[in-house]
Amino acid sequence: MKLRYLKNVATLRLSAEKCNGCGRCAEVCPHGVFSVNERKAKIEDKDCCMECGACAKNCPAQAITVNSGVGCAQAVIKGWLTGSEPSCDCSSSEGCC
């Protein structure tokens, strides 16, 4: 069973135009979010993305963007783990997360 996060909240983006099909994203992603077919990467299940940033950091074509460690999903998960109310501080002067 795959670990899934909240639906449609991951900041992961892939530019098919920039992708050179090297497959590094699929190699480094801990949750198997990517596949590579016909020399192009594809996001298989965006809701499995934990926004660690490994894919973007290892993409030589800079075809992937992700705001690592941010988002409401992180706030909810942190709340579950710590037993506190989820808060991503979107109302703070520093912005969200």
C-alpha atoms as a PDB file:
ATOM      1  CA  MET A   1       0.000   0.000   0.000  1.00  0.00           C
ATOM      2  CA  LYS A   2       1.337   3.426  -0.979  1.00  0.00           C
ATOM      3  CA  LEU A   3       1.437   6.297   1.489  1.00  0.00           C
ATOM      4  CA  ARG A   4      -0.843   9.022   0.178  1.00  0.00           C
ATOM      5  CA  TYR A   5      -1.246  12.562   1.395  1.00  0.00           C
ATOM      6  CA  LEU A   6      -4.105  15.007   1.016  1.00  0.00           C
ATOM      7  CA  LYS A   7      -5.655  15.095  -2.437  1.00  0.00           C
ATOM      8  CA  ASN A   8      -4.507  17.850  -4.812  1.00  0.00           C
ATOM      9  CA  VAL A   9      -2.295  19.808  -2.387  1.00  0.00           C
ATOM     10  CA  ALA A  10       1.250  18.903  -3.518  1.00  0.00           C
ATOM     11  CA  THR A  11       3.157  21.750  -5.169  1.00  0.00           C
ATOM     12  CA  LEU A  12       4.914  19.347  -7.577  1.00  0.00           C
ATOM     13  CA  ARG A  13       5.092  20.491 -11.215  1.00  0.00           C
ATOM     14  CA  LEU A  14       6.758  18.840 -14.234  1.00  0.00           C
ATOM     15  CA  SER A  15       7.515  20.608 -17.508  1.00  0.00           C
ATOM     16  CA  ALA A  16       7.308  17.993 -20.257  1.00  0.00           C
ATOM     17  CA  GLU A  17       8.956  20.448 -22.653  1.00  0.00           C
ATOM     18  CA  LYS A  18      12.089  20.715 -20.507  1.00  0.00           C
ATOM     19  CA  CYS A  19      12.288  17.012 -19.574  1.00  0.00           C
ATOM     20  CA  ASN A  20      15.148  15.139 -21.258  1.00  0.00           C
ATOM     21  CA  GLY A  21      14.011  11.707 -20.057  1.00  0.00           C
ATOM     22  CA  CYS A  22      17.107  10.953 -17.975  1.00  0.00           C
ATOM     23  CA  GLY A  23      15.047   9.190 -15.290  1.00  0.00           C
ATOM     24  CA  ARG A  24      16.779  10.724 -12.260  1.00  0.00           C
ATOM     25  CA  CYS A  25      13.406  11.787 -10.820  1.00  0.00           C
ATOM     26  CA  ALA A  26      12.160   8.199 -10.863  1.00  0.00           C
ATOM     27  CA  GLU A  27      15.432   6.986  -9.323  1.00  0.00           C
ATOM     28  CA  VAL A  28      15.454   9.402  -6.373  1.00  0.00           C
ATOM     29  CA  CYS A  29      11.746   9.690  -5.543  1.00  0.00           C
ATOM     30  CA  PRO A  30      11.118   7.726  -2.323  1.00  0.00           C
ATOM     31  CA  HIS A  31       7.433   7.229  -3.127  1.00  0.00           C
ATOM     32  CA  GLY A  32       7.530   6.290  -6.819  1.00  0.00           C
ATOM     33  CA  VAL A  33       5.692   9.378  -7.986  1.00  0.00           C
ATOM     34  CA  PHE A  34       7.402   9.339 -11.407  1.00  0.00           C
ATOM     35  CA  SER A  35       7.703   6.959 -14.328  1.00  0.00           C
ATOM     36  CA  VAL A  36       9.686   7.441 -17.545  1.00  0.00           C
ATOM     37  CA  ASN A  37       8.279   6.336 -20.873  1.00  0.00           C
ATOM     38  CA  GLU A  38       9.550   7.157 -24.354  1.00  0.00           C
ATOM     39  CA  ARG A  39      12.258   9.458 -22.935  1.00  0.00           C
ATOM     40  CA  LYS A  40       9.808  11.631 -20.969  1.00  0.00           C
ATOM     41  CA  ALA A  41       9.020  11.638 -17.267  1.00  0.00           C
ATOM     42  CA  LYS A  42       5.430  11.449 -16.132  1.00  0.00           C
ATOM     43  CA  ILE A  43       3.843  12.104 -12.748  1.00  0.00           C
ATOM     44  CA  GLU A  44       2.031   8.864 -11.913  1.00  0.00           C
ATOM     45  CA  ASP A  45       0.418   9.858  -8.614  1.00  0.00           C
ATOM     46  CA  LYS A  46       0.907  13.432  -7.433  1.00  0.00           C
ATOM     47  CA  ASP A  47      -0.927  12.697  -4.166  1.00  0.00           C
ATOM     48  CA  CYS A  48       1.955  10.405  -3.118  1.00  0.00           C
ATOM     49  CA  CYS A  49       4.404  13.326  -3.280  1.00  0.00           C
ATOM     50  CA  MET A  50       5.723  14.260   0.156  1.00  0.00           C
ATOM     51  CA  GLU A  51       7.422  17.400  -1.231  1.00  0.00           C
ATOM     52  CA  CYS A  52      10.919  16.314  -0.182  1.00  0.00           C
ATOM     53  CA  GLY A  53      12.452  18.048  -3.215  1.00  0.00           C
ATOM     54  CA  ALA A  54      14.798  15.215  -4.231  1.00  0.00           C
ATOM     55  CA  CYS A  55      13.385  15.122  -7.757  1.00  0.00           C
ATOM     56  CA  ALA A  56      13.864  18.846  -8.401  1.00  0.00           C
ATOM     57  CA  LYS A  57      17.352  18.899  -6.877  1.00  0.00           C
ATOM     58  CA  ASN A  58      18.463  16.012  -9.091  1.00  0.00           C
ATOM     59  CA  CYS A  59      16.836  17.100 -12.359  1.00  0.00           C
ATOM     60  CA  PRO A  60      19.625  18.246 -14.711  1.00  0.00           C
ATOM     61  CA  ALA A  61      17.068  19.811 -17.091  1.00  0.00           C
ATOM     62  CA  GLN A  62      15.368  21.794 -14.309  1.00  0.00           C
ATOM     63  CA  ALA A  63      12.047  20.396 -15.513  1.00  0.00           C
ATOM     64  CA  ILE A  64      10.660  19.829 -12.005  1.00  0.00           C
ATOM     65  CA  THR A  65       9.593  22.339  -9.396  1.00  0.00           C
ATOM     66  CA  VAL A  66       8.325  21.619  -5.909  1.00  0.00           C
ATOM     67  CA  ASN A  67       8.202  23.736  -2.777  1.00  0.00           C
ATOM     68  CA  SER A  68       9.843  21.224  -0.489  1.00  0.00           C
ATOM     69  CA  GLY A  69       8.531  20.971   3.050  1.00  0.00           C
ATOM     70  CA  VAL A  70       5.587  23.328   2.620  1.00  0.00           C
ATOM     71  CA  GLY A  71       1.866  23.133   2.293  1.00  0.00           C
ATOM     72  CA  CYS A  72      -1.221  22.292   4.231  1.00  0.00           C
ATOM     73  CA  ALA A  73      -0.482  18.566   3.973  1.00  0.00           C
ATOM     74  CA  GLN A  74       2.685  19.076   5.986  1.00  0.00           C
ATOM     75  CA  ALA A  75       0.752  21.041   8.610  1.00  0.00           C
ATOM     76  CA  VAL A  76      -1.890  18.330   8.950  1.00  0.00           C
ATOM     77  CA  ILE A  77       0.696  15.542   9.190  1.00  0.00           C
ATOM     78  CA  LYS A  78       2.734  17.490  11.760  1.00  0.00           C
ATOM     79  CA  GLY A  79      -0.456  18.006  13.774  1.00  0.00           C
ATOM     80  CA  TRP A  80      -1.185  14.269  13.731  1.00  0.00           C
ATOM     81  CA  LEU A  81       2.358  13.429  14.809  1.00  0.00           C
ATOM     82  CA  THR A  82       2.553  15.993  17.607  1.00  0.00           C
ATOM     83  CA  GLY A  83      -1.078  15.782  18.727  1.00  0.00           C
ATOM     84  CA  SER A  84      -1.537  19.498  18.102  1.00  0.00           C
ATOM     85  CA  GLU A  85      -3.885  21.464  15.903  1.00  0.00           C
ATOM     86  CA  PRO A  86      -2.689  21.604  12.286  1.00  0.00           C
ATOM     87  CA  SER A  87      -1.383  25.042  11.422  1.00  0.00           C
ATOM     88  CA  CYS A  88       0.532  26.208   8.410  1.00  0.00           C
ATOM     89  CA  ASP A  89       0.597  29.818   9.662  1.00  0.00           C
ATOM     90  CA  CYS A  90      -0.976  31.195   6.495  1.00  0.00           C
ATOM     91  CA  SER A  91      -2.111  34.229   8.465  1.00  0.00           C
ATOM     92  CA  SER A  92       1.375  35.160   9.679  1.00  0.00           C
ATOM     93  CA  SER A  93       3.337  38.097   8.263  1.00  0.00           C
ATOM     94  CA  GLU A  94       5.905  35.646   6.885  1.00  0.00           C
ATOM     95  CA  GLY A  95       3.365  33.990   4.605  1.00  0.00           C
ATOM     96  CA  CYS A  96       2.293  30.410   4.365  1.00  0.00           C
ATOM     97  CA  CYS A  97       4.529  27.686   5.737  1.00  0.00           C
END
